Amino acid sequence: MKPQISIIALLLAGCSNTNSPELNQCAQQNYQCEQSCEQRANPQSLAMQVCSDGCIESFNQCKAQAEQLSQQLRNKALYK
């Protein structure tokens, strides 16, 4: 269980350093997803791993969308 908490902390720290509200939101959603998994499943179970994998997949999708949005906003600012 401790490795997952460490990963979440790193994600939150990494996202907060980017000053991107979108990435911060992704990290917050991931944290809440992981917390929900911990409440619903035994930490050592396959169900926990499946739930956690779903959280990671959702985070990666959210992160990709947030980065795309940030890039679009930067491009808009450059061409004004």
Protein backbone atom coordinates (compact mmCIF):
# COMPACT_ATOMS: atom_id res chain seq x y z
CA MET A 1 0.00 0.00 0.00
CA LYS A 2 2.80 2.44 0.78
CA PRO A 3 4.14 2.39 -2.82
CA GLN A 4 0.75 3.56 -4.10
CA ILE A 5 0.64 6.40 -1.62
CA SER A 6 4.14 7.42 -2.69
CA ILE A 7 3.14 7.37 -6.34
CA ILE A 8 0.10 9.51 -5.60
CA ALA A 9 2.23 11.97 -3.65
CA LEU A 10 4.68 12.22 -6.54
CA LEU A 11 1.86 12.78 -9.00
CA LEU A 12 0.37 15.50 -6.85
CA ALA A 13 3.75 17.15 -6.33
CA GLY A 14 4.65 16.94 -10.01
CA CYS A 15 1.36 18.32 -11.14
CA SER A 16 1.34 21.17 -8.65
CA ASN A 17 4.74 22.33 -9.92
CA THR A 18 3.37 22.88 -13.42
CA ASN A 19 0.95 25.61 -12.30
CA SER A 20 -1.68 23.95 -14.48
CA PRO A 21 -5.11 23.85 -12.88
CA GLU A 22 -6.08 21.12 -15.35
CA LEU A 23 -3.23 18.83 -14.27
CA ASN A 24 -3.93 19.60 -10.62
CA GLN A 25 -7.52 18.51 -11.22
CA CYS A 26 -6.33 15.26 -12.82
CA ALA A 27 -4.10 14.53 -9.84
CA GLN A 28 -6.91 15.29 -7.40
CA GLN A 29 -9.30 12.99 -9.28
CA ASN A 30 -6.66 10.26 -9.28
CA TYR A 31 -6.14 10.62 -5.54
CA GLN A 32 -9.88 10.35 -4.92
CA CYS A 33 -10.10 7.32 -7.23
CA GLU A 34 -7.29 5.56 -5.37
CA GLN A 35 -8.91 6.37 -2.02
CA SER A 36 -12.16 4.88 -3.28
CA CYS A 37 -10.34 1.72 -4.35
CA GLU A 38 -8.79 1.39 -0.91
CA GLN A 39 -12.19 1.66 0.74
CA ARG A 40 -13.80 -0.92 -1.54
CA ALA A 41 -11.13 -3.59 -1.89
CA ASN A 42 -8.59 -5.51 0.14
CA PRO A 43 -5.21 -3.84 -0.48
CA GLN A 44 -3.57 -7.13 -1.49
CA SER A 45 -6.39 -8.33 -3.75
CA LEU A 46 -6.72 -8.56 -7.51
CA ALA A 47 -9.78 -6.32 -7.23
CA MET A 48 -7.59 -3.60 -5.73
CA GLN A 49 -5.08 -3.93 -8.57
CA VAL A 50 -7.83 -3.75 -11.20
CA CYS A 51 -9.36 -0.71 -9.51
CA SER A 52 -5.98 0.99 -9.20
CA ASP A 53 -5.17 0.25 -12.84
CA GLY A 54 -8.46 1.92 -13.79
CA CYS A 55 -7.46 4.99 -11.79
CA ILE A 56 -4.10 5.15 -13.55
CA GLU A 57 -5.73 4.80 -16.97
CA SER A 58 -8.19 7.59 -16.17
CA PHE A 59 -5.36 9.78 -14.89
CA ASN A 60 -3.32 9.23 -18.06
CA GLN A 61 -6.29 10.17 -20.24
CA CYS A 62 -7.00 13.24 -18.14
CA LYS A 63 -3.33 14.24 -18.23
CA ALA A 64 -3.18 13.90 -22.02
CA GLN A 65 -6.26 16.08 -22.41
CA ALA A 66 -4.92 18.65 -19.95
CA GLU A 67 -1.58 18.82 -21.74
CA GLN A 68 -3.33 19.20 -25.09
CA LEU A 69 -5.46 22.03 -23.68
CA SER A 70 -2.41 23.73 -22.18
CA GLN A 71 -0.60 23.50 -25.51
CA GLN A 72 -3.57 25.01 -27.33
CA LEU A 73 -3.69 27.86 -24.83
CA ARG A 74 0.06 28.49 -25.24
CA ASN A 75 -0.29 28.49 -29.01
CA LYS A 76 -3.17 30.95 -28.81
CA ALA A 77 -1.11 33.27 -26.63
CA LEU A 78 1.82 33.11 -29.06
CA TYR A 79 -0.28 34.08 -32.08
CA LYS A 80 -2.11 37.03 -30.57
